[in-house]
C-alpha atoms as a PDB file:
ATOM      1  CA  MET A   1       0.000   0.000   0.000  1.00  0.00           C
ATOM      2  CA  THR A   2       1.208   3.476  -0.843  1.00  0.00           C
ATOM      3  CA  GLU A   3       1.141   6.086   1.890  1.00  0.00           C
ATOM      4  CA  VAL A   4      -1.434   8.859   1.796  1.00  0.00           C
ATOM      5  CA  THR A   5      -0.094  12.223   2.901  1.00  0.00           C
ATOM      6  CA  ASP A   6      -1.811  15.399   4.059  1.00  0.00           C
ATOM      7  CA  ASN A   7      -0.517  18.252   1.910  1.00  0.00           C
ATOM      8  CA  LYS A   8      -1.649  21.011   4.270  1.00  0.00           C
ATOM      9  CA  GLU A   9      -0.138  23.721   2.065  1.00  0.00           C
ATOM     10  CA  ASN A  10      -2.559  22.813  -0.760  1.00  0.00           C
ATOM     11  CA  ASP A  11      -5.421  21.548   1.461  1.00  0.00           C
ATOM     12  CA  ARG A  12      -5.459  18.105  -0.072  1.00  0.00           C
ATOM     13  CA  PHE A  13      -4.704  14.509   0.750  1.00  0.00           C
ATOM     14  CA  GLU A  14      -2.414  12.899  -1.819  1.00  0.00           C
ATOM     15  CA  LEU A  15      -1.529   9.417  -2.980  1.00  0.00           C
ATOM     16  CA  ASN A  16       1.527   9.119  -5.235  1.00  0.00           C
ATOM     17  CA  ARG A  17       1.596   6.009  -7.382  1.00  0.00           C
ATOM     18  CA  GLU A  18       3.628   5.236 -10.497  1.00  0.00           C
ATOM     19  CA  GLY A  19       4.580   8.897 -10.881  1.00  0.00           C
ATOM     20  CA  PHE A  20       0.961  10.085 -10.781  1.00  0.00           C
ATOM     21  CA  VAL A  21      -0.957  11.793  -7.964  1.00  0.00           C
ATOM     22  CA  ALA A  22      -4.521  11.042  -6.910  1.00  0.00           C
ATOM     23  CA  TYR A  23      -5.842  13.630  -4.484  1.00  0.00           C
ATOM     24  CA  ALA A  24      -8.778  14.755  -2.388  1.00  0.00           C
ATOM     25  CA  ASP A  25      -9.288  18.491  -1.909  1.00  0.00           C
ATOM     26  CA  TYR A  26     -10.633  19.431   1.513  1.00  0.00           C
ATOM     27  CA  HIS A  27     -11.405  22.255   3.868  1.00  0.00           C
ATOM     28  CA  VAL A  28     -11.832  22.197   7.634  1.00  0.00           C
ATOM     29  CA  GLN A  29     -14.477  23.840   9.798  1.00  0.00           C
ATOM     30  CA  GLY A  30     -13.954  23.169  13.492  1.00  0.00           C
ATOM     31  CA  GLU A  31     -13.553  19.414  13.923  1.00  0.00           C
ATOM     32  CA  VAL A  32     -15.110  18.529  10.559  1.00  0.00           C
ATOM     33  CA  VAL A  33     -13.095  17.833   7.413  1.00  0.00           C
ATOM     34  CA  PHE A  34     -15.137  18.485   4.255  1.00  0.00           C
ATOM     35  CA  ILE A  35     -14.004  16.357   1.304  1.00  0.00           C
ATOM     36  CA  ASP A  36     -14.709  18.704  -1.598  1.00  0.00           C
ATOM     37  CA  TYR A  37     -13.397  16.739  -4.565  1.00  0.00           C
ATOM     38  CA  VAL A  38     -11.621  13.432  -5.215  1.00  0.00           C
ATOM     39  CA  TYR A  39      -9.508  13.123  -8.362  1.00  0.00           C
ATOM     40  CA  ALA A  40      -7.574  10.236  -9.885  1.00  0.00           C
ATOM     41  CA  PRO A  41      -5.637  10.892 -13.111  1.00  0.00           C
ATOM     42  CA  PRO A  42      -6.701   8.768 -16.107  1.00  0.00           C
ATOM     43  CA  GLU A  43      -3.545   6.655 -15.755  1.00  0.00           C
ATOM     44  CA  LEU A  44      -4.671   5.471 -12.294  1.00  0.00           C
ATOM     45  CA  ARG A  45      -8.387   5.012 -12.933  1.00  0.00           C
ATOM     46  CA  GLY A  46      -9.545   1.454 -12.452  1.00  0.00           C
ATOM     47  CA  SER A  47      -6.462   0.628 -10.357  1.00  0.00           C
ATOM     48  CA  GLY A  48      -8.069   1.142  -6.950  1.00  0.00           C
ATOM     49  CA  ALA A  49      -6.060   4.312  -6.327  1.00  0.00           C
ATOM     50  CA  ALA A  50      -9.079   6.433  -5.356  1.00  0.00           C
ATOM     51  CA  GLY A  51     -10.218   3.810  -2.840  1.00  0.00           C
ATOM     52  CA  GLU A  52      -6.714   3.589  -1.423  1.00  0.00           C
ATOM     53  CA  LEU A  53      -6.667   7.383  -1.139  1.00  0.00           C
ATOM     54  CA  MET A  54      -9.976   7.303   0.747  1.00  0.00           C
ATOM     55  CA  ARG A  55      -8.749   4.594   3.147  1.00  0.00           C
ATOM     56  CA  GLY A  56      -5.646   6.633   3.883  1.00  0.00           C
ATOM     57  CA  LEU A  57      -7.447   9.925   4.440  1.00  0.00           C
ATOM     58  CA  VAL A  58      -9.955   8.201   6.753  1.00  0.00           C
ATOM     59  CA  GLU A  59      -7.029   6.886   8.835  1.00  0.00           C
ATOM     60  CA  ILE A  60      -5.507  10.381   9.060  1.00  0.00           C
ATOM     61  CA  ILE A  61      -8.800  12.055   9.974  1.00  0.00           C
ATOM     62  CA  LYS A  62      -9.641   9.365  12.542  1.00  0.00           C
ATOM     63  CA  ALA A  63      -6.183   9.722  14.144  1.00  0.00           C
ATOM     64  CA  HIS A  64      -6.848  13.450  14.594  1.00  0.00           C
ATOM     65  CA  GLY A  65     -10.233  12.813  16.228  1.00  0.00           C
ATOM     66  CA  GLN A  66     -12.106  14.633  13.470  1.00  0.00           C
ATOM     67  CA  LYS A  67     -15.284  13.856  11.535  1.00  0.00           C
ATOM     68  CA  ILE A  68     -15.878  13.827   7.766  1.00  0.00           C
ATOM     69  CA  ARG A  69     -18.537  15.522   5.669  1.00  0.00           C
ATOM     70  CA  PRO A  70     -18.300  14.538   2.002  1.00  0.00           C
ATOM     71  CA  ILE A  71     -19.229  17.091  -0.645  1.00  0.00           C
ATOM     72  CA  CYS A  72     -17.916  14.947  -3.502  1.00  0.00           C
ATOM     73  CA  GLY A  73     -20.301  12.226  -4.686  1.00  0.00           C
ATOM     74  CA  TYR A  74     -17.532   9.626  -4.956  1.00  0.00           C
ATOM     75  CA  ALA A  75     -16.377  10.329  -1.396  1.00  0.00           C
ATOM     76  CA  ALA A  76     -19.952  10.123  -0.087  1.00  0.00           C
ATOM     77  CA  ALA A  77     -20.569   6.769  -1.776  1.00  0.00           C
ATOM     78  CA  TRP A  78     -17.228   5.346  -0.623  1.00  0.00           C
ATOM     79  CA  LEU A  79     -17.786   6.436   2.981  1.00  0.00           C
ATOM     80  CA  GLN A  80     -21.280   4.891   3.042  1.00  0.00           C
ATOM     81  CA  ARG A  81     -19.801   1.544   1.920  1.00  0.00           C
ATOM     82  CA  SER A  82     -17.007   1.621   4.504  1.00  0.00           C
ATOM     83  CA  PRO A  83     -17.749   0.690   8.137  1.00  0.00           C
ATOM     84  CA  VAL A  84     -14.904   2.913   9.369  1.00  0.00           C
ATOM     85  CA  GLY A  85     -15.949   5.709   7.020  1.00  0.00           C
ATOM     86  CA  ARG A  86     -19.569   5.592   8.219  1.00  0.00           C
ATOM     87  CA  GLU A  87     -18.380   5.960  11.830  1.00  0.00           C
ATOM     88  CA  LEU A  88     -16.687   9.250  10.971  1.00  0.00           C
ATOM     89  CA  LEU A  89     -19.545  10.883   9.070  1.00  0.00           C
ATOM     90  CA  ALA A  90     -20.516  14.236  10.530  1.00  0.00           C
END
């Protein structure tokens, strides 16, 4: 598994794989992290990269004791399917 990082400077979680970056833009209000947009470049689509990105960002947000509110449709659907993700929904 590739590590997901929190690029605080650009307000996005990132997953680097095979020289490409999948990312999730976010903003924070209080203890809630809003996932605004999830993007995987065409080269990574169908590889599971976006799901891996979501798993990693959930781990980071959970470790910080925060909740998640998805704005992005993909993020919302993924979180509903994930037991850990559902626990963190704000």
